[in-house]
Protein backbone atom coordinates (compact mmCIF):
# COMPACT_ATOMS: atom_id res chain seq x y z
CA MET A 1 48.48 37.79 -26.43
CA ALA A 2 48.97 41.06 -24.36
CA ILE A 3 48.04 41.88 -20.51
CA ALA A 4 46.91 44.28 -18.92
CA VAL A 5 49.24 45.12 -15.47
CA ALA A 6 48.35 47.53 -13.36
CA PRO A 7 49.81 47.29 -9.68
CA LEU A 8 47.90 48.74 -7.08
CA SER A 9 48.35 50.10 -3.15
CA VAL A 10 45.51 48.10 -1.06
CA ARG A 11 44.12 49.09 2.84
CA SER A 12 44.20 46.09 4.01
CA ALA A 13 44.60 41.89 3.31
CA LEU A 14 42.02 40.09 4.58
CA THR A 15 38.82 40.17 3.65
CA PRO A 16 35.81 38.91 5.80
CA THR A 17 34.04 36.65 3.41
CA GLY A 18 30.22 34.35 3.92
CA GLY A 19 28.42 33.44 2.00
CA TYR A 20 29.78 29.57 -0.26
CA LEU A 21 33.00 30.08 1.84
CA HIS A 22 31.39 29.56 5.11
CA SER A 23 33.13 28.65 7.39
CA PHE A 24 35.78 30.43 6.22
CA THR A 25 36.52 33.98 8.63
CA HIS A 26 38.97 35.94 5.25
CA SER A 27 39.68 35.47 1.76
CA LEU A 28 42.75 37.27 0.54
CA ASN A 29 43.82 37.90 -3.09
CA PRO A 30 47.07 39.38 -3.42
CA TYR A 31 46.24 40.44 -7.28
CA SER A 32 42.87 41.46 -8.82
CA GLY A 33 42.10 40.05 -11.78
CA CYS A 34 43.20 36.65 -13.43
CA VAL A 35 45.28 36.21 -17.39
CA PHE A 36 43.66 32.33 -16.41
CA GLY A 37 40.87 33.62 -18.14
CA CYS A 38 38.33 30.62 -17.00
CA PRO A 39 35.05 31.07 -19.22
CA TYR A 40 32.58 30.30 -15.66
CA CYS A 41 34.52 32.54 -13.73
CA TYR A 42 31.89 34.19 -11.28
CA VAL A 43 34.74 37.08 -10.80
CA ARG A 44 33.90 38.62 -14.42
CA GLN A 45 30.61 39.52 -13.15
CA GLY A 46 31.06 41.40 -10.52
CA MET A 47 32.83 44.68 -9.57
CA PRO A 48 35.98 45.50 -10.03
CA ALA A 49 35.64 43.76 -12.95
CA ARG A 50 32.61 45.04 -14.86
CA LEU A 51 34.23 47.86 -14.64
CA GLU A 52 37.50 47.33 -16.93
CA PRO A 53 37.34 47.77 -20.10
CA LEU A 54 39.27 45.35 -21.36
CA GLN A 55 38.47 41.40 -21.46
CA TRP A 56 38.50 39.42 -18.39
CA GLY A 57 41.11 37.12 -18.96
CA ARG A 58 43.55 40.26 -20.32
CA TRP A 59 44.45 42.01 -17.12
CA VAL A 60 46.00 42.04 -13.28
CA LYS A 61 46.24 43.96 -11.28
CA PRO A 62 48.84 43.30 -7.94
CA LYS A 63 47.92 44.41 -5.25
CA LEU A 64 52.12 45.22 -4.51
CA ASP A 65 51.63 45.77 -0.96
CA VAL A 66 49.14 43.76 0.20
CA ALA A 67 52.04 41.30 1.62
CA GLU A 68 53.18 44.03 4.24
CA ARG A 69 48.86 45.20 5.31
CA LEU A 70 48.42 40.95 6.17
CA GLU A 71 52.08 41.42 8.09
CA ASP A 72 50.26 44.42 9.90
CA GLU A 73 47.17 42.68 10.50
CA LEU A 74 48.64 39.73 11.83
CA ARG A 75 50.21 40.61 14.26
CA ARG A 76 47.36 42.80 15.42
CA ALA A 77 45.60 39.70 15.77
CA ALA A 78 48.07 37.72 18.22
CA ASP A 79 48.66 40.50 19.85
CA ARG A 80 44.59 40.22 20.79
CA GLY A 81 44.60 36.24 21.05
CA ARG A 82 42.81 35.67 17.72
CA LEU A 83 45.33 33.86 15.24
CA ASP A 84 44.20 30.42 15.45
CA GLY A 85 39.89 32.03 15.14
CA LEU A 86 42.04 33.04 11.67
CA ARG A 87 40.55 30.17 8.38
CA VAL A 88 41.80 32.04 5.95
CA PHE A 89 41.21 31.26 1.29
CA LEU A 90 43.93 32.00 -0.62
CA SER A 91 42.15 32.95 -2.81
CA SER A 92 38.87 33.73 -3.75
CA ALA A 93 38.71 36.02 -7.16
CA THR A 94 41.80 35.09 -8.47
CA ASP A 95 44.45 33.02 -8.61
CA PRO A 96 47.64 33.37 -6.26
CA TYR A 97 49.96 31.73 -8.85
CA GLN A 98 49.61 33.29 -11.53
CA PRO A 99 52.36 34.52 -14.06
CA GLU A 100 52.86 37.23 -12.55
CA GLU A 101 53.67 36.05 -9.54
CA ARG A 102 57.01 34.55 -10.60
CA ARG A 103 57.87 37.72 -11.15
CA LEU A 104 56.45 39.67 -8.26
CA GLY A 105 56.33 37.15 -5.08
CA LEU A 106 53.43 38.43 -3.55
CA THR A 107 52.04 35.90 -2.27
CA ARG A 108 55.23 33.38 -1.65
CA ALA A 109 54.98 37.16 1.00
CA CYS A 110 52.63 36.35 2.33
CA LEU A 111 52.95 32.89 2.99
CA GLU A 112 56.37 33.45 4.51
CA ALA A 113 54.15 36.02 6.59
CA PHE A 114 51.64 33.63 7.52
CA ALA A 115 54.81 31.37 8.27
CA ARG A 116 55.32 33.59 11.02
CA ARG A 117 52.25 33.91 12.47
CA PRO A 118 50.69 30.71 11.19
CA PRO A 119 46.51 31.13 11.25
CA GLY A 120 43.84 28.59 12.37
CA LEU A 121 43.55 26.87 8.67
CA LEU A 122 45.02 28.45 5.59
CA VAL A 123 43.73 27.71 2.80
CA VAL A 124 45.48 28.17 -0.38
CA GLN A 125 43.52 27.06 -4.23
CA THR A 126 45.71 27.81 -7.56
CA ARG A 127 45.90 25.90 -10.61
CA SER A 128 48.88 26.40 -11.42
CA PRO A 129 52.11 24.22 -10.92
CA LEU A 130 53.68 27.20 -9.57
CA VAL A 131 52.91 26.91 -5.68
CA THR A 132 55.63 23.47 -5.69
CA ARG A 133 58.25 27.17 -5.33
CA ASP A 134 57.12 27.71 -2.27
CA LEU A 135 56.75 24.32 -1.18
CA ASP A 136 59.97 25.26 1.92
CA VAL A 137 56.92 27.49 3.02
CA LEU A 138 54.21 25.84 2.60
CA VAL A 139 56.05 23.09 4.22
CA ALA A 140 56.65 24.61 7.62
CA LEU A 141 53.04 26.14 8.03
CA ARG A 142 52.32 22.37 8.61
CA GLU A 143 49.38 21.07 9.49
CA ARG A 144 47.31 25.01 9.74
CA VAL A 145 47.33 24.68 5.87
CA TRP A 146 46.49 22.55 2.64
CA VAL A 147 46.82 22.71 -1.03
CA SER A 148 44.03 22.92 -3.22
CA MET A 149 44.86 21.67 -6.99
CA SER A 150 41.89 22.33 -9.54
CA VAL A 151 41.75 19.67 -12.02
CA GLU A 152 38.41 20.34 -13.70
CA THR A 153 39.42 16.41 -16.35
CA ASP A 154 40.92 13.79 -17.29
CA ASP A 155 40.98 15.05 -21.24
CA GLU A 156 43.58 17.84 -22.41
CA ALA A 157 41.47 18.65 -25.51
CA VAL A 158 38.86 19.65 -23.43
CA ARG A 159 41.21 21.67 -21.42
CA ARG A 160 42.63 23.86 -24.21
CA ALA A 161 38.75 24.25 -25.70
CA VAL A 162 38.26 25.20 -22.55
CA THR A 163 40.48 27.30 -20.30
CA PRO A 164 42.84 27.67 -23.15
CA ALA A 165 45.47 30.41 -20.88
CA CYS A 166 45.35 28.07 -17.70
CA PRO A 167 47.79 25.41 -16.93
CA PRO A 168 48.28 21.64 -18.34
CA ILE A 169 46.31 18.92 -16.23
CA ALA A 170 49.66 16.51 -15.74
CA ALA A 171 52.03 19.65 -15.40
CA ARG A 172 49.11 19.89 -12.62
CA LEU A 173 49.30 16.69 -11.14
CA ALA A 174 52.80 16.81 -10.93
CA ALA A 175 52.95 19.35 -8.51
CA MET A 176 49.22 17.65 -6.76
CA GLU A 177 51.61 14.57 -6.49
CA LYS A 178 55.25 16.85 -5.70
CA LEU A 179 52.83 18.42 -2.84
CA LEU A 180 51.46 15.19 -1.40
CA ALA A 181 55.66 13.51 -1.18
CA GLY A 182 56.91 16.94 0.06
CA GLY A 183 54.58 15.96 3.74
CA LEU A 184 51.61 18.72 2.48
CA ARG A 185 47.44 17.88 2.73
CA VAL A 186 46.53 18.27 -0.98
CA GLN A 187 43.04 18.73 -2.15
CA ALA A 188 42.04 18.14 -5.87
CA ALA A 189 39.17 20.42 -6.26
CA VAL A 190 37.49 18.77 -9.52
CA SER A 191 35.30 22.18 -9.48
CA PRO A 192 33.40 22.87 -11.91
CA VAL A 193 33.45 18.83 -13.28
CA LEU A 194 33.79 19.17 -17.22
CA PRO A 195 33.60 16.86 -19.53
CA HIS A 196 35.35 13.45 -18.41
CA ARG A 197 35.64 9.99 -18.33
CA ALA A 198 35.79 9.18 -14.52
CA ASP A 199 37.36 6.02 -14.47
CA ARG A 200 39.87 8.20 -15.56
CA LEU A 201 40.10 11.44 -13.90
CA VAL A 202 39.56 9.18 -10.52
CA ALA A 203 42.96 6.67 -11.50
CA LEU A 204 44.48 10.38 -11.51
CA VAL A 205 43.16 12.43 -8.99
CA ALA A 206 43.09 10.12 -6.20
CA PRO A 207 46.70 8.90 -5.52
CA ARG A 208 47.86 12.37 -6.18
CA ALA A 209 45.52 13.95 -3.19
CA THR A 210 44.39 13.72 0.41
CA ARG A 211 41.24 14.45 -0.26
CA VAL A 212 38.70 15.59 -2.74
CA VAL A 213 35.76 17.93 -2.92
CA VAL A 214 33.78 17.44 -6.03
CA ASP A 215 31.51 20.20 -7.86
CA THR A 216 29.46 21.85 -10.75
CA PHE A 217 27.81 24.43 -12.95
CA VAL A 218 24.85 24.55 -10.75
CA SER A 219 25.58 23.81 -7.04
CA GLY A 220 29.00 25.58 -6.95
CA ASP A 221 27.93 28.80 -8.71
CA GLY A 222 26.63 30.29 -5.89
CA SER A 223 23.05 31.46 -7.43
CA GLY A 224 22.22 27.77 -8.32
CA GLY A 225 23.84 27.80 -12.16
CA LYS A 226 22.30 31.82 -12.88
CA ARG A 227 25.21 32.85 -13.14
CA THR A 228 26.55 31.04 -15.61
CA GLY A 229 23.68 30.80 -17.30
CA ARG A 230 24.29 34.45 -18.00
CA ASN A 231 28.16 33.52 -18.32
CA GLY A 232 28.86 32.08 -21.78
CA ILE A 233 28.98 28.73 -21.01
CA PRO A 234 25.12 27.43 -22.22
CA ARG A 235 27.25 28.78 -25.01
CA LEU A 236 29.97 27.34 -25.04
CA TYR A 237 29.30 24.11 -24.39
CA GLU A 238 26.58 23.99 -27.12
CA SER A 239 29.04 25.34 -29.68
CA LEU A 240 31.31 22.23 -28.25
CA GLY A 241 28.83 19.30 -28.73
CA TYR A 242 29.63 18.91 -24.57
CA GLY A 243 25.87 18.15 -24.03
CA ASP A 244 23.93 20.04 -20.66
CA TRP A 245 25.97 22.23 -18.88
CA SER A 246 23.70 22.35 -16.49
CA ASP A 247 23.02 18.58 -16.11
CA GLU A 248 24.73 17.31 -12.51
CA ARG A 249 24.41 13.57 -14.02
CA ALA A 250 27.95 13.41 -14.83
CA ALA A 251 28.98 14.86 -11.58
CA ARG A 252 27.58 12.32 -9.41
CA ALA A 253 28.82 9.44 -10.92
CA LEU A 254 32.01 10.82 -10.53
CA HIS A 255 31.85 12.01 -7.06
CA ALA A 256 30.06 7.95 -6.50
CA ALA A 257 33.20 6.84 -8.21
CA PHE A 258 35.38 8.59 -5.24
CA ARG A 259 33.64 7.83 -2.45
CA ALA A 260 34.15 4.62 -2.89
CA ARG A 261 38.11 4.82 -4.00
CA LEU A 262 38.61 7.14 -0.81
CA GLY A 263 35.22 6.83 1.35
CA ALA A 264 33.42 9.27 2.18
CA GLU A 265 35.36 11.19 4.27
CA ARG A 266 37.71 11.45 2.11
CA ALA A 267 35.28 12.42 -1.59
CA THR A 268 33.43 15.01 -0.66
CA TRP A 269 30.74 17.71 -2.71
CA SER A 270 30.54 21.72 -3.53
CA CYS A 271 30.47 23.90 -0.92
CA ASP A 272 30.15 21.51 2.25
CA GLY A 273 33.17 19.85 0.48
CA PHE A 274 35.07 23.23 0.90
CA ASN A 275 33.83 24.56 4.25
CA GLY A 276 34.53 21.34 5.97
CA LEU A 277 38.85 21.31 5.55
């Protein structure tokens, strides 16, 4: 599948955040667009995605000067004594380790800027094993950083049916294991929960995660499921025979299973879980 790549120049790197990510002060997105093209991604319904002529997942716009802008912003924050107050979510509207990152290294350059001037908290959210490439820089951030890996199911057939452009589940689990062995704190984001076998998913994820957050289409899309209801997931679930996309009972049971294995502090739920770091 052909991917359109159109570089951008940006005036700023850090964007003030709130809403679902209310405990974070800023988000950072080194790319606009995402070639993983997850059908449930809320970003596809907003701007600038709705202005793009190409289908979501078919385009990406690298922000080529994002690391330079970030360097400037961190320098100013340091001069004002505000670095410790920064809580940054990387990324909220793209995957920072989508394939173009292997060539361009924009996310790595941003991590290097953070390593020189560490914020109070940095959460790196991805579904790509490419994150392990930057283990050296992540380790330099020590207790200031969490790596959050999306693992929505234990079933590779489900992964291929729902998110075919995304990395295999086994590769993500291997990456989590490597990050954890490297001394990093690793969060498993079972978000959104896709069809799964709870006992197997818990057995695969729990030994590879410092903590887990479980989320659903309803609790996690910021609108009580309304955005998910508009983005094609109901039709996809019906076509695949997956049942009611809005039924949270299986996810609640999964959360309970993780709590039984890890304890309440390490097995969290939805918005409170993401903001509890």
